Amino acid sequence: MKSCREVTRLLSEAQERPLDFSERASLRFHLMMCGACRNFSSHMASLRKISRAYAAGKRDAVETPPDRSRDD
């Protein structure tokens, strides 16, 4: 099984190039087993969606997350 470091690298590379079959298979297997990497993958997908919406001029469609730095 690939390490978390290798998986995060593959997730990043998948934004730049198509992954081959063995890379996709090992990535999927790791994501089935690792909640932290699933979370990272989900965050990357959200960032990609937000970036595309912003670049397309749909700034109003991008929701601003709540400020969690305050202890109200």
PDB file of N, CA and C in Angstrom:
ATOM      1  N   MET A   1       0.855  -1.181   0.000  1.00  0.00           N
ATOM      2  CA  MET A   1       0.000   0.000   0.000  1.00  0.00           C
ATOM      3  C   MET A   1       0.898   1.242   0.000  1.00  0.00           C
ATOM      4  N   LYS A   2       0.486   2.240  -0.731  1.00  0.00           N
ATOM      5  CA  LYS A   2       1.243   3.499  -0.803  1.00  0.00           C
ATOM      6  C   LYS A   2       1.135   4.243   0.525  1.00  0.00           C
ATOM      7  N   SER A   3       2.137   5.047   0.811  1.00  0.00           N
ATOM      8  CA  SER A   3       2.116   5.872   2.017  1.00  0.00           C
ATOM      9  C   SER A   3       1.213   7.085   1.790  1.00  0.00           C
ATOM     10  N   CYS A   4       0.836   7.732   2.866  1.00  0.00           N
ATOM     11  CA  CYS A   4       0.010   8.943   2.762  1.00  0.00           C
ATOM     12  C   CYS A   4       0.743  10.024   1.964  1.00  0.00           C
ATOM     13  N   ARG A   5       2.033  10.123   2.147  1.00  0.00           N
ATOM     14  CA  ARG A   5       2.820  11.112   1.406  1.00  0.00           C
ATOM     15  C   ARG A   5       2.739  10.841  -0.099  1.00  0.00           C
ATOM     16  N   GLU A   6       2.858   9.573  -0.487  1.00  0.00           N
ATOM     17  CA  GLU A   6       2.771   9.218  -1.909  1.00  0.00           C
ATOM     18  C   GLU A   6       1.374   9.487  -2.464  1.00  0.00           C
ATOM     19  N   VAL A   7       0.364   9.221  -1.654  1.00  0.00           N
ATOM     20  CA  VAL A   7      -1.019   9.426  -2.094  1.00  0.00           C
ATOM     21  C   VAL A   7      -1.318  10.910  -2.270  1.00  0.00           C
ATOM     22  N   THR A   8      -0.874  11.748  -1.353  1.00  0.00           N
ATOM     23  CA  THR A   8      -1.124  13.183  -1.517  1.00  0.00           C
ATOM     24  C   THR A   8      -0.394  13.719  -2.743  1.00  0.00           C
ATOM     25  N   ARG A   9       0.786  13.175  -3.021  1.00  0.00           N
ATOM     26  CA  ARG A   9       1.513  13.566  -4.237  1.00  0.00           C
ATOM     27  C   ARG A   9       0.721  13.152  -5.473  1.00  0.00           C
ATOM     28  N   LEU A  10       0.186  11.924  -5.474  1.00  0.00           N
ATOM     29  CA  LEU A  10      -0.610  11.459  -6.614  1.00  0.00           C
ATOM     30  C   LEU A  10      -1.879  12.291  -6.789  1.00  0.00           C
ATOM     31  N   LEU A  11      -2.524  12.631  -5.686  1.00  0.00           N
ATOM     32  CA  LEU A  11      -3.727  13.466  -5.775  1.00  0.00           C
ATOM     33  C   LEU A  11      -3.398  14.818  -6.400  1.00  0.00           C
ATOM     34  N   SER A  12      -2.264  15.367  -6.047  1.00  0.00           N
ATOM     35  CA  SER A  12      -1.843  16.638  -6.645  1.00  0.00           C
ATOM     36  C   SER A  12      -1.497  16.464  -8.117  1.00  0.00           C
ATOM     37  N   GLU A  13      -0.784  15.400  -8.434  1.00  0.00           N
ATOM     38  CA  GLU A  13      -0.410  15.151  -9.826  1.00  0.00           C
ATOM     39  C   GLU A  13      -1.629  14.898 -10.704  1.00  0.00           C
ATOM     40  N   ALA A  14      -2.668  14.323 -10.130  1.00  0.00           N
ATOM     41  CA  ALA A  14      -3.887  14.037 -10.899  1.00  0.00           C
ATOM     42  C   ALA A  14      -4.539  15.316 -11.409  1.00  0.00           C
ATOM     43  N   GLN A  15      -4.210  16.455 -10.798  1.00  0.00           N
ATOM     44  CA  GLN A  15      -4.729  17.738 -11.267  1.00  0.00           C
ATOM     45  C   GLN A  15      -4.001  18.201 -12.523  1.00  0.00           C
ATOM     46  N   GLU A  16      -2.799  17.680 -12.729  1.00  0.00           N
ATOM     47  CA  GLU A  16      -1.941  18.110 -13.832  1.00  0.00           C
ATOM     48  C   GLU A  16      -1.900  17.137 -15.000  1.00  0.00           C
ATOM     49  N   ARG A  17      -2.116  15.855 -14.699  1.00  0.00           N
ATOM     50  CA  ARG A  17      -1.991  14.833 -15.738  1.00  0.00           C
ATOM     51  C   ARG A  17      -2.892  13.649 -15.402  1.00  0.00           C
ATOM     52  N   PRO A  18      -3.270  12.874 -16.424  1.00  0.00           N
ATOM     53  CA  PRO A  18      -4.049  11.662 -16.140  1.00  0.00           C
ATOM     54  C   PRO A  18      -3.158  10.614 -15.461  1.00  0.00           C
ATOM     55  N   LEU A  19      -3.699   9.966 -14.454  1.00  0.00           N
ATOM     56  CA  LEU A  19      -2.956   8.898 -13.789  1.00  0.00           C
ATOM     57  C   LEU A  19      -3.126   7.608 -14.581  1.00  0.00           C
ATOM     58  N   ASP A  20      -2.095   6.759 -14.555  1.00  0.00           N
ATOM     59  CA  ASP A  20      -2.230   5.479 -15.245  1.00  0.00           C
ATOM     60  C   ASP A  20      -3.029   4.509 -14.371  1.00  0.00           C
ATOM     61  N   PHE A  21      -3.341   3.344 -14.936  1.00  0.00           N
ATOM     62  CA  PHE A  21      -4.204   2.387 -14.245  1.00  0.00           C
ATOM     63  C   PHE A  21      -3.660   1.994 -12.879  1.00  0.00           C
ATOM     64  N   SER A  22      -2.380   1.668 -12.795  1.00  0.00           N
ATOM     65  CA  SER A  22      -1.820   1.222 -11.513  1.00  0.00           C
ATOM     66  C   SER A  22      -1.833   2.346 -10.478  1.00  0.00           C
ATOM     67  N   GLU A  23      -1.604   3.576 -10.906  1.00  0.00           N
ATOM     68  CA  GLU A  23      -1.667   4.715  -9.979  1.00  0.00           C
ATOM     69  C   GLU A  23      -3.093   4.907  -9.465  1.00  0.00           C
ATOM     70  N   ARG A  24      -4.066   4.846 -10.372  1.00  0.00           N
ATOM     71  CA  ARG A  24      -5.469   5.004  -9.962  1.00  0.00           C
ATOM     72  C   ARG A  24      -5.894   3.888  -9.015  1.00  0.00           C
ATOM     73  N   ALA A  25      -5.485   2.657  -9.322  1.00  0.00           N
ATOM     74  CA  ALA A  25      -5.858   1.517  -8.480  1.00  0.00           C
ATOM     75  C   ALA A  25      -5.255   1.644  -7.085  1.00  0.00           C
ATOM     76  N   SER A  26      -3.974   1.968  -7.005  1.00  0.00           N
ATOM     77  CA  SER A  26      -3.339   2.086  -5.689  1.00  0.00           C
ATOM     78  C   SER A  26      -3.904   3.275  -4.917  1.00  0.00           C
ATOM     79  N   LEU A  27      -4.241   4.333  -5.627  1.00  0.00           N
ATOM     80  CA  LEU A  27      -4.852   5.500  -4.991  1.00  0.00           C
ATOM     81  C   LEU A  27      -6.214   5.135  -4.401  1.00  0.00           C
ATOM     82  N   ARG A  28      -7.043   4.478  -5.185  1.00  0.00           N
ATOM     83  CA  ARG A  28      -8.375   4.081  -4.695  1.00  0.00           C
ATOM     84  C   ARG A  28      -8.276   3.141  -3.501  1.00  0.00           C
ATOM     85  N   PHE A  29      -7.364   2.173  -3.578  1.00  0.00           N
ATOM     86  CA  PHE A  29      -7.187   1.234  -2.474  1.00  0.00           C
ATOM     87  C   PHE A  29      -6.796   1.974  -1.202  1.00  0.00           C
ATOM     88  N   HIS A  30      -5.842   2.875  -1.307  1.00  0.00           N
ATOM     89  CA  HIS A  30      -5.397   3.628  -0.133  1.00  0.00           C
ATOM     90  C   HIS A  30      -6.540   4.479   0.425  1.00  0.00           C
ATOM     91  N   LEU A  31      -7.285   5.147  -0.458  1.00  0.00           N
ATOM     92  CA  LEU A  31      -8.379   6.007   0.004  1.00  0.00           C
ATOM     93  C   LEU A  31      -9.476   5.206   0.704  1.00  0.00           C
ATOM     94  N   MET A  32      -9.660   3.933   0.315  1.00  0.00           N
ATOM     95  CA  MET A  32     -10.646   3.089   1.002  1.00  0.00           C
ATOM     96  C   MET A  32     -10.225   2.838   2.445  1.00  0.00           C
ATOM     97  N   MET A  33      -8.925   2.810   2.691  1.00  0.00           N
ATOM     98  CA  MET A  33      -8.402   2.459   4.011  1.00  0.00           C
ATOM     99  C   MET A  33      -8.063   3.660   4.897  1.00  0.00           C
ATOM    100  N   CYS A  34      -7.853   4.823   4.302  1.00  0.00           N
ATOM    101  CA  CYS A  34      -7.289   5.952   5.055  1.00  0.00           C
ATOM    102  C   CYS A  34      -8.239   7.154   5.070  1.00  0.00           C
ATOM    103  N   GLY A  35      -8.829   7.408   6.208  1.00  0.00           N
ATOM    104  CA  GLY A  35      -9.743   8.534   6.355  1.00  0.00           C
ATOM    105  C   GLY A  35      -9.062   9.886   6.202  1.00  0.00           C
ATOM    106  N   ALA A  36      -7.825   9.993   6.645  1.00  0.00           N
ATOM    107  CA  ALA A  36      -7.109  11.272   6.536  1.00  0.00           C
ATOM    108  C   ALA A  36      -6.884  11.635   5.072  1.00  0.00           C
ATOM    109  N   CYS A  37      -6.519  10.666   4.267  1.00  0.00           N
ATOM    110  CA  CYS A  37      -6.299  10.944   2.840  1.00  0.00           C
ATOM    111  C   CYS A  37      -7.620  11.173   2.111  1.00  0.00           C
ATOM    112  N   ARG A  38      -8.690  10.492   2.535  1.00  0.00           N
ATOM    113  CA  ARG A  38     -10.016  10.780   1.965  1.00  0.00           C
ATOM    114  C   ARG A  38     -10.401  12.221   2.261  1.00  0.00           C
ATOM    115  N   ASN A  39     -10.122  12.673   3.470  1.00  0.00           N
ATOM    116  CA  ASN A  39     -10.409  14.049   3.853  1.00  0.00           C
ATOM    117  C   ASN A  39      -9.588  15.022   3.004  1.00  0.00           C
ATOM    118  N   PHE A  40      -8.309  14.730   2.813  1.00  0.00           N
ATOM    119  CA  PHE A  40      -7.443  15.565   1.978  1.00  0.00           C
ATOM    120  C   PHE A  40      -7.982  15.613   0.552  1.00  0.00           C
ATOM    121  N   SER A  41      -8.382  14.468   0.024  1.00  0.00           N
ATOM    122  CA  SER A  41      -8.925  14.392  -1.333  1.00  0.00           C
ATOM    123  C   SER A  41     -10.198  15.229  -1.456  1.00  0.00           C
ATOM    124  N   SER A  42     -11.043  15.154  -0.448  1.00  0.00           N
ATOM    125  CA  SER A  42     -12.277  15.941  -0.441  1.00  0.00           C
ATOM    126  C   SER A  42     -11.980  17.439  -0.415  1.00  0.00           C
ATOM    127  N   HIS A  43     -11.009  17.840   0.388  1.00  0.00           N
ATOM    128  CA  HIS A  43     -10.632  19.257   0.446  1.00  0.00           C
ATOM    129  C   HIS A  43     -10.057  19.731  -0.882  1.00  0.00           C
ATOM    130  N   MET A  44      -9.261  18.884  -1.519  1.00  0.00           N
ATOM    131  CA  MET A  44      -8.708  19.254  -2.828  1.00  0.00           C
ATOM    132  C   MET A  44      -9.825  19.432  -3.851  1.00  0.00           C
ATOM    133  N   ALA A  45     -10.821  18.546  -3.809  1.00  0.00           N
ATOM    134  CA  ALA A  45     -11.946  18.649  -4.743  1.00  0.00           C
ATOM    135  C   ALA A  45     -12.718  19.945  -4.500  1.00  0.00           C
ATOM    136  N   SER A  46     -12.907  20.306  -3.233  1.00  0.00           N
ATOM    137  CA  SER A  46     -13.601  21.558  -2.910  1.00  0.00           C
ATOM    138  C   SER A  46     -12.811  22.766  -3.401  1.00  0.00           C
ATOM    139  N   LEU A  47     -11.510  22.752  -3.176  1.00  0.00           N
ATOM    140  CA  LEU A  47     -10.669  23.862  -3.645  1.00  0.00           C
ATOM    141  C   LEU A  47     -10.705  23.985  -5.166  1.00  0.00           C
ATOM    142  N   ARG A  48     -10.690  22.848  -5.852  1.00  0.00           N
ATOM    143  CA  ARG A  48     -10.750  22.859  -7.313  1.00  0.00           C
ATOM    144  C   ARG A  48     -12.072  23.472  -7.782  1.00  0.00           C
ATOM    145  N   LYS A  49     -13.164  23.084  -7.137  1.00  0.00           N
ATOM    146  CA  LYS A  49     -14.489  23.608  -7.494  1.00  0.00           C
ATOM    147  C   LYS A  49     -14.559  25.116  -7.247  1.00  0.00           C
ATOM    148  N   ILE A  50     -14.074  25.558  -6.106  1.00  0.00           N
ATOM    149  CA  ILE A  50     -14.086  26.982  -5.764  1.00  0.00           C
ATOM    150  C   ILE A  50     -13.207  27.770  -6.731  1.00  0.00           C
ATOM    151  N   SER A  51     -12.027  27.242  -7.032  1.00  0.00           N
ATOM    152  CA  SER A  51     -11.108  27.931  -7.950  1.00  0.00           C
ATOM    153  C   SER A  51     -11.708  28.079  -9.335  1.00  0.00           C
ATOM    154  N   ARG A  52     -12.345  27.020  -9.817  1.00  0.00           N
ATOM    155  CA  ARG A  52     -12.964  27.083 -11.146  1.00  0.00           C
ATOM    156  C   ARG A  52     -14.111  28.078 -11.176  1.00  0.00           C
ATOM    157  N   ALA A  53     -14.924  28.098 -10.129  1.00  0.00           N
ATOM    158  CA  ALA A  53     -16.037  29.045 -10.067  1.00  0.00           C
ATOM    159  C   ALA A  53     -15.512  30.474 -10.023  1.00  0.00           C
ATOM    160  N   TYR A  54     -14.479  30.706  -9.248  1.00  0.00           N
ATOM    161  CA  TYR A  54     -13.898  32.041  -9.139  1.00  0.00           C
ATOM    162  C   TYR A  54     -13.309  32.481 -10.475  1.00  0.00           C
ATOM    163  N   ALA A  55     -12.581  31.576 -11.127  1.00  0.00           N
ATOM    164  CA  ALA A  55     -11.960  31.898 -12.414  1.00  0.00           C
ATOM    165  C   ALA A  55     -13.008  32.170 -13.487  1.00  0.00           C
ATOM    166  N   ALA A  56     -14.166  31.536 -13.366  1.00  0.00           N
ATOM    167  CA  ALA A  56     -15.237  31.729 -14.339  1.00  0.00           C
ATOM    168  C   ALA A  56     -16.053  32.983 -14.040  1.00  0.00           C
ATOM    169  N   GLY A  57     -15.667  33.713 -12.999  1.00  0.00           N
ATOM    170  CA  GLY A  57     -16.367  34.945 -12.663  1.00  0.00           C
ATOM    171  C   GLY A  57     -17.602  34.738 -11.814  1.00  0.00           C
ATOM    172  N   LYS A  58     -17.757  33.557 -11.268  1.00  0.00           N
ATOM    173  CA  LYS A  58     -18.923  33.256 -10.434  1.00  0.00           C
ATOM    174  C   LYS A  58     -18.565  33.444  -8.963  1.00  0.00           C
ATOM    175  N   ARG A  59     -18.084  34.620  -8.643  1.00  0.00           N
ATOM    176  CA  ARG A  59     -17.625  34.882  -7.280  1.00  0.00           C
ATOM    177  C   ARG A  59     -18.753  34.794  -6.258  1.00  0.00           C
ATOM    178  N   ASP A  60     -19.964  35.124  -6.662  1.00  0.00           N
ATOM    179  CA  ASP A  60     -21.089  35.054  -5.737  1.00  0.00           C
ATOM    180  C   ASP A  60     -21.480  33.613  -5.433  1.00  0.00           C
ATOM    181  N   ALA A  61     -21.122  32.687  -6.326  1.00  0.00           N
ATOM    182  CA  ALA A  61     -21.473  31.284  -6.127  1.00  0.00           C
ATOM    183  C   ALA A  61     -20.549  30.605  -5.124  1.00  0.00           C
ATOM    184  N   VAL A  62     -19.435  31.245  -4.816  1.00  0.00           N
ATOM    185  CA  VAL A  62     -18.464  30.672  -3.889  1.00  0.00           C
ATOM    186  C   VAL A  62     -18.829  31.105  -2.481  1.00  0.00           C
ATOM    187  N   GLU A  63     -19.171  30.117  -1.651  1.00  0.00           N
ATOM    188  CA  GLU A  63     -19.533  30.423  -0.271  1.00  0.00           C
ATOM    189  C   GLU A  63     -18.275  30.615   0.560  1.00  0.00           C
ATOM    190  N   THR A  64     -18.291  31.629   1.389  1.00  0.00           N
ATOM    191  CA  THR A  64     -17.181  31.867   2.295  1.00  0.00           C
ATOM    192  C   THR A  64     -17.406  31.030   3.542  1.00  0.00           C
ATOM    193  N   PRO A  65     -16.422  30.217   3.932  1.00  0.00           N
ATOM    194  CA  PRO A  65     -16.597  29.403   5.132  1.00  0.00           C
ATOM    195  C   PRO A  65     -16.665  30.284   6.367  1.00  0.00           C
ATOM    196  N   PRO A  66     -17.352  29.808   7.404  1.00  0.00           N
ATOM    197  CA  PRO A  66     -17.437  30.605   8.635  1.00  0.00           C
ATOM    198  C   PRO A  66     -16.067  30.777   9.263  1.00  0.00           C
ATOM    199  N   ASP A  67     -15.876  31.913   9.934  1.00  0.00           N
ATOM    200  CA  ASP A  67     -14.614  32.192  10.612  1.00  0.00           C
ATOM    201  C   ASP A  67     -14.589  31.395  11.908  1.00  0.00           C
ATOM    202  N   ARG A  68     -13.741  30.388  11.961  1.00  0.00           N
ATOM    203  CA  ARG A  68     -13.678  29.526  13.141  1.00  0.00           C
ATOM    204  C   ARG A  68     -12.567  29.929  14.094  1.00  0.00           C
ATOM    205  N   SER A  69     -11.939  31.066  13.818  1.00  0.00           N
ATOM    206  CA  SER A  69     -10.843  31.493  14.685  1.00  0.00           C
ATOM    207  C   SER A  69     -11.354  32.173  15.950  1.00  0.00           C
ATOM    208  N   ARG A  70     -12.608  32.533  15.950  1.00  0.00           N
ATOM    209  CA  ARG A  70     -13.188  33.205  17.119  1.00  0.00           C
ATOM    210  C   ARG A  70     -13.785  32.187  18.074  1.00  0.00           C
ATOM    211  N   ASP A  71     -13.739  32.490  19.334  1.00  0.00           N
ATOM    212  CA  ASP A  71     -14.328  31.628  20.361  1.00  0.00           C
ATOM    213  C   ASP A  71     -15.583  32.284  20.914  1.00  0.00           C
ATOM    214  N   ASP A  72     -16.578  32.492  20.037  1.00  0.00           N
ATOM    215  CA  ASP A  72     -17.830  33.148  20.459  1.00  0.00           C
ATOM    216  C   ASP A  72     -18.704  32.205  21.229  1.00  0.00           C
TER     217      ASP A  72
END
